[in-house]
């Protein structure tokens, strides 16, 4: 998510070395959601996750970032883009946290 927000911020807000306030807020929110994700390393992509943990407002912001950055990831970060595509094919398996 960090690389996608960086591409988006640079393209829309002129962010070079640092993110703007809006993009920093989204990145912090994404990290908090990932830290609390019950699937952890066994996680699929958020779009295919059975649990949607983003608030609607933040989910829309994340979708906007992904729509812009997704195609550009192939050019700027090809390995990450391929890994993301492979993660999207995973079936989510709950971690022990979710089963307790």
N, C-alpha and C. Protein backbone atom coordinates (compact mmCIF):
# COMPACT_ATOMS: atom_id res chain seq x y z
N UNK A 1 0.83 -1.19 0.00
CA UNK A 1 0.00 0.00 0.00
C UNK A 1 0.88 1.25 0.00
N UNK A 2 2.01 1.15 0.66
CA UNK A 2 2.94 2.28 0.75
C UNK A 2 3.35 2.75 -0.65
N UNK A 3 3.75 1.82 -1.51
CA UNK A 3 4.20 2.16 -2.86
C UNK A 3 3.05 2.73 -3.70
N UNK A 4 1.86 2.20 -3.52
CA UNK A 4 0.71 2.68 -4.28
C UNK A 4 0.34 4.11 -3.87
N UNK A 5 0.35 4.36 -2.57
CA UNK A 5 0.03 5.71 -2.09
C UNK A 5 1.11 6.70 -2.54
N UNK A 6 2.35 6.25 -2.55
CA UNK A 6 3.44 7.12 -3.01
C UNK A 6 3.23 7.53 -4.46
N UNK A 7 2.87 6.57 -5.33
CA UNK A 7 2.60 6.89 -6.74
C UNK A 7 1.43 7.85 -6.86
N UNK A 8 0.38 7.59 -6.09
CA UNK A 8 -0.82 8.42 -6.14
C UNK A 8 -0.52 9.84 -5.67
N UNK A 9 0.16 9.96 -4.53
CA UNK A 9 0.46 11.28 -3.97
C UNK A 9 1.35 12.09 -4.91
N UNK A 10 2.33 11.42 -5.47
CA UNK A 10 3.22 12.11 -6.41
C UNK A 10 2.44 12.59 -7.64
N UNK A 11 1.53 11.75 -8.14
CA UNK A 11 0.76 12.10 -9.32
C UNK A 11 -0.33 13.13 -9.09
N UNK A 12 -0.91 13.14 -7.90
CA UNK A 12 -2.04 14.03 -7.63
C UNK A 12 -1.72 15.22 -6.74
N UNK A 13 -0.80 15.05 -5.83
CA UNK A 13 -0.53 16.11 -4.86
C UNK A 13 0.89 16.64 -4.94
N UNK A 14 1.67 16.15 -5.87
CA UNK A 14 3.03 16.64 -6.04
C UNK A 14 4.00 16.18 -4.96
N UNK A 15 3.61 15.18 -4.17
CA UNK A 15 4.48 14.67 -3.11
C UNK A 15 5.72 14.00 -3.70
N UNK A 16 6.88 14.38 -3.25
CA UNK A 16 8.12 13.79 -3.76
C UNK A 16 8.75 12.90 -2.70
N UNK A 17 9.27 13.51 -1.66
CA UNK A 17 9.94 12.75 -0.61
C UNK A 17 8.97 12.33 0.49
N UNK A 18 7.97 13.14 0.74
CA UNK A 18 7.02 12.86 1.81
C UNK A 18 5.60 12.88 1.25
N UNK A 19 4.70 12.23 1.97
CA UNK A 19 3.29 12.23 1.58
C UNK A 19 2.61 13.48 2.11
N UNK A 20 1.54 13.89 1.43
CA UNK A 20 0.73 14.98 1.93
C UNK A 20 -0.05 14.47 3.15
N UNK A 21 -0.74 15.34 3.82
CA UNK A 21 -1.47 14.98 5.03
C UNK A 21 -2.55 13.93 4.75
N UNK A 22 -3.29 14.11 3.66
CA UNK A 22 -4.37 13.18 3.30
C UNK A 22 -3.82 11.77 3.03
N UNK A 23 -2.73 11.69 2.31
CA UNK A 23 -2.13 10.39 1.98
C UNK A 23 -1.48 9.74 3.19
N UNK A 24 -0.90 10.56 4.06
CA UNK A 24 -0.32 10.04 5.31
C UNK A 24 -1.41 9.44 6.18
N UNK A 25 -2.56 10.09 6.24
CA UNK A 25 -3.69 9.59 7.01
C UNK A 25 -4.15 8.24 6.47
N UNK A 26 -4.25 8.10 5.16
CA UNK A 26 -4.67 6.84 4.56
C UNK A 26 -3.64 5.74 4.82
N UNK A 27 -2.37 6.05 4.72
CA UNK A 27 -1.33 5.06 4.96
C UNK A 27 -1.33 4.59 6.41
N UNK A 28 -1.45 5.52 7.34
CA UNK A 28 -1.52 5.15 8.76
C UNK A 28 -2.73 4.26 9.02
N UNK A 29 -3.85 4.61 8.44
CA UNK A 29 -5.08 3.82 8.59
C UNK A 29 -4.88 2.41 8.03
N UNK A 30 -4.26 2.31 6.87
CA UNK A 30 -4.02 1.00 6.24
C UNK A 30 -3.13 0.14 7.11
N UNK A 31 -2.08 0.72 7.69
CA UNK A 31 -1.19 -0.04 8.58
C UNK A 31 -1.94 -0.53 9.82
N UNK A 32 -2.81 0.29 10.38
CA UNK A 32 -3.59 -0.12 11.55
C UNK A 32 -4.51 -1.30 11.19
N UNK A 33 -5.13 -1.21 10.02
CA UNK A 33 -6.03 -2.29 9.59
C UNK A 33 -5.24 -3.59 9.37
N UNK A 34 -4.08 -3.48 8.74
CA UNK A 34 -3.25 -4.67 8.50
C UNK A 34 -2.76 -5.30 9.79
N UNK A 35 -2.41 -4.46 10.77
CA UNK A 35 -1.95 -4.98 12.06
C UNK A 35 -3.04 -5.78 12.77
N UNK A 36 -4.27 -5.40 12.54
CA UNK A 36 -5.40 -6.07 13.21
C UNK A 36 -6.05 -7.15 12.35
N UNK A 37 -5.52 -7.39 11.18
CA UNK A 37 -6.12 -8.37 10.26
C UNK A 37 -6.01 -9.78 10.85
N UNK A 38 -7.13 -10.51 10.92
CA UNK A 38 -7.09 -11.86 11.48
C UNK A 38 -6.41 -12.87 10.55
N UNK A 39 -6.21 -12.53 9.30
CA UNK A 39 -5.60 -13.47 8.35
C UNK A 39 -4.08 -13.36 8.30
N UNK A 40 -3.54 -12.19 8.65
CA UNK A 40 -2.10 -11.93 8.69
C UNK A 40 -1.39 -12.41 7.43
N UNK A 41 -0.37 -13.26 7.54
CA UNK A 41 0.44 -13.66 6.38
C UNK A 41 -0.35 -14.51 5.37
N UNK A 42 -1.42 -15.12 5.81
CA UNK A 42 -2.23 -15.96 4.93
C UNK A 42 -3.27 -15.14 4.17
N UNK A 43 -3.13 -13.85 4.24
CA UNK A 43 -4.11 -12.92 3.68
C UNK A 43 -4.12 -12.89 2.15
N UNK A 44 -5.31 -12.79 1.62
CA UNK A 44 -5.49 -12.51 0.20
C UNK A 44 -5.49 -10.99 0.05
N UNK A 45 -5.82 -10.49 -1.12
CA UNK A 45 -5.94 -9.03 -1.28
C UNK A 45 -7.21 -8.57 -0.56
N UNK A 46 -7.23 -7.33 -0.15
CA UNK A 46 -8.38 -6.81 0.58
C UNK A 46 -9.67 -6.91 -0.23
N UNK A 47 -9.57 -6.74 -1.54
CA UNK A 47 -10.76 -6.80 -2.39
C UNK A 47 -11.44 -8.17 -2.34
N UNK A 48 -10.67 -9.21 -2.10
CA UNK A 48 -11.23 -10.57 -2.07
C UNK A 48 -11.40 -11.10 -0.65
N UNK A 49 -11.17 -10.28 0.33
CA UNK A 49 -11.26 -10.68 1.72
C UNK A 49 -12.73 -10.80 2.15
N UNK A 50 -13.08 -11.83 2.91
CA UNK A 50 -14.46 -11.96 3.37
C UNK A 50 -14.83 -10.95 4.47
N UNK A 51 -13.83 -10.34 5.08
CA UNK A 51 -14.06 -9.35 6.14
C UNK A 51 -13.59 -7.99 5.60
N UNK A 52 -14.52 -7.06 5.46
CA UNK A 52 -14.15 -5.73 4.99
C UNK A 52 -14.04 -4.81 6.20
N UNK A 53 -12.82 -4.53 6.60
CA UNK A 53 -12.58 -3.81 7.86
C UNK A 53 -12.38 -2.30 7.67
N UNK A 54 -12.31 -1.82 6.44
CA UNK A 54 -12.15 -0.38 6.22
C UNK A 54 -13.50 0.31 6.38
N UNK A 55 -13.47 1.50 7.00
CA UNK A 55 -14.67 2.34 7.03
C UNK A 55 -15.01 2.72 5.58
N UNK A 56 -16.28 2.94 5.26
CA UNK A 56 -16.64 3.27 3.87
C UNK A 56 -15.85 4.44 3.28
N UNK A 57 -15.64 5.50 4.06
CA UNK A 57 -14.91 6.68 3.56
C UNK A 57 -13.46 6.30 3.19
N UNK A 58 -12.80 5.56 4.07
CA UNK A 58 -11.41 5.18 3.82
C UNK A 58 -11.33 4.12 2.71
N UNK A 59 -12.32 3.29 2.63
CA UNK A 59 -12.35 2.27 1.57
C UNK A 59 -12.43 2.94 0.20
N UNK A 60 -13.22 3.98 0.09
CA UNK A 60 -13.33 4.72 -1.17
C UNK A 60 -12.00 5.39 -1.52
N UNK A 61 -11.34 5.95 -0.52
CA UNK A 61 -10.02 6.57 -0.76
C UNK A 61 -9.02 5.52 -1.24
N UNK A 62 -9.03 4.36 -0.60
CA UNK A 62 -8.11 3.29 -0.98
C UNK A 62 -8.40 2.81 -2.40
N UNK A 63 -9.67 2.68 -2.76
CA UNK A 63 -10.04 2.27 -4.12
C UNK A 63 -9.53 3.28 -5.15
N UNK A 64 -9.69 4.56 -4.82
CA UNK A 64 -9.24 5.63 -5.72
C UNK A 64 -7.73 5.54 -5.95
N UNK A 65 -6.98 5.32 -4.87
CA UNK A 65 -5.53 5.18 -4.95
C UNK A 65 -5.17 3.97 -5.79
N UNK A 66 -5.84 2.85 -5.55
CA UNK A 66 -5.53 1.61 -6.26
C UNK A 66 -5.87 1.69 -7.75
N UNK A 67 -6.98 2.35 -8.07
CA UNK A 67 -7.35 2.51 -9.49
C UNK A 67 -6.28 3.29 -10.25
N UNK A 68 -5.74 4.30 -9.60
CA UNK A 68 -4.71 5.12 -10.25
C UNK A 68 -3.37 4.38 -10.27
N UNK A 69 -2.97 3.83 -9.13
CA UNK A 69 -1.62 3.28 -8.97
C UNK A 69 -1.47 1.87 -9.51
N UNK A 70 -2.53 1.10 -9.51
CA UNK A 70 -2.45 -0.31 -9.94
C UNK A 70 -1.74 -0.51 -11.27
N UNK A 71 -2.22 0.14 -12.34
CA UNK A 71 -1.55 -0.03 -13.63
C UNK A 71 -0.11 0.49 -13.64
N UNK A 72 0.16 1.53 -12.87
CA UNK A 72 1.51 2.11 -12.83
C UNK A 72 2.49 1.25 -12.03
N UNK A 73 1.95 0.39 -11.17
CA UNK A 73 2.81 -0.50 -10.37
C UNK A 73 3.61 -1.43 -11.27
N UNK A 74 3.01 -1.87 -12.38
CA UNK A 74 3.73 -2.77 -13.30
C UNK A 74 5.01 -2.13 -13.82
N UNK A 75 4.98 -0.83 -14.01
CA UNK A 75 6.14 -0.10 -14.53
C UNK A 75 7.13 0.26 -13.42
N UNK A 76 6.60 0.76 -12.31
CA UNK A 76 7.46 1.26 -11.23
C UNK A 76 7.94 0.17 -10.26
N UNK A 77 7.09 -0.80 -9.99
CA UNK A 77 7.40 -1.87 -9.02
C UNK A 77 6.88 -3.21 -9.56
N UNK A 78 7.49 -3.73 -10.63
CA UNK A 78 6.94 -4.93 -11.27
C UNK A 78 6.90 -6.17 -10.36
N UNK A 79 7.88 -6.36 -9.51
CA UNK A 79 7.88 -7.54 -8.63
C UNK A 79 6.73 -7.45 -7.63
N UNK A 80 6.54 -6.28 -7.04
CA UNK A 80 5.42 -6.10 -6.11
C UNK A 80 4.08 -6.31 -6.81
N UNK A 81 3.97 -5.84 -8.04
CA UNK A 81 2.72 -5.98 -8.79
C UNK A 81 2.40 -7.46 -9.03
N UNK A 82 3.40 -8.22 -9.40
CA UNK A 82 3.18 -9.66 -9.65
C UNK A 82 2.84 -10.37 -8.33
N UNK A 83 3.53 -10.02 -7.24
CA UNK A 83 3.22 -10.61 -5.94
C UNK A 83 1.78 -10.31 -5.53
N UNK A 84 1.33 -9.10 -5.81
CA UNK A 84 -0.04 -8.72 -5.48
C UNK A 84 -1.04 -9.55 -6.29
N UNK A 85 -0.74 -9.76 -7.55
CA UNK A 85 -1.61 -10.59 -8.39
C UNK A 85 -1.67 -12.02 -7.85
N UNK A 86 -0.54 -12.55 -7.42
CA UNK A 86 -0.51 -13.90 -6.85
C UNK A 86 -1.27 -13.95 -5.52
N UNK A 87 -1.12 -12.94 -4.70
CA UNK A 87 -1.86 -12.89 -3.43
C UNK A 87 -3.37 -12.88 -3.66
N UNK A 88 -3.79 -12.26 -4.75
CA UNK A 88 -5.21 -12.20 -5.08
C UNK A 88 -5.80 -13.55 -5.42
N UNK A 89 -4.96 -14.51 -5.72
CA UNK A 89 -5.43 -15.86 -6.06
C UNK A 89 -5.52 -16.76 -4.83
N UNK A 90 -4.99 -16.29 -3.70
CA UNK A 90 -5.03 -17.08 -2.47
C UNK A 90 -6.45 -17.15 -1.91
N UNK A 91 -6.74 -18.24 -1.23
CA UNK A 91 -7.97 -18.36 -0.46
C UNK A 91 -7.59 -17.96 0.97
N UNK A 92 -8.30 -17.02 1.55
CA UNK A 92 -7.93 -16.60 2.90
C UNK A 92 -8.17 -17.71 3.92
N UNK A 93 -7.17 -17.94 4.76
CA UNK A 93 -7.28 -18.92 5.83
C UNK A 93 -7.11 -18.17 7.14
N UNK A 94 -8.10 -18.25 8.01
CA UNK A 94 -8.02 -17.48 9.26
C UNK A 94 -6.85 -17.93 10.13
N UNK A 95 -6.24 -16.97 10.77
CA UNK A 95 -5.16 -17.27 11.70
C UNK A 95 -5.77 -17.76 13.01
N UNK A 96 -4.93 -18.11 13.95
CA UNK A 96 -5.41 -18.58 15.26
C UNK A 96 -6.21 -17.52 15.98
N UNK A 97 -5.89 -16.25 15.73
CA UNK A 97 -6.61 -15.13 16.37
C UNK A 97 -8.10 -15.20 16.06
N UNK A 98 -8.44 -15.48 14.80
CA UNK A 98 -9.83 -15.49 14.37
C UNK A 98 -10.54 -16.72 14.90
N UNK A 99 -9.84 -17.82 15.07
CA UNK A 99 -10.46 -19.05 15.52
C UNK A 99 -10.73 -19.07 17.01
N UNK A 100 -10.08 -18.20 17.77
CA UNK A 100 -10.27 -18.19 19.24
C UNK A 100 -11.53 -17.50 19.65
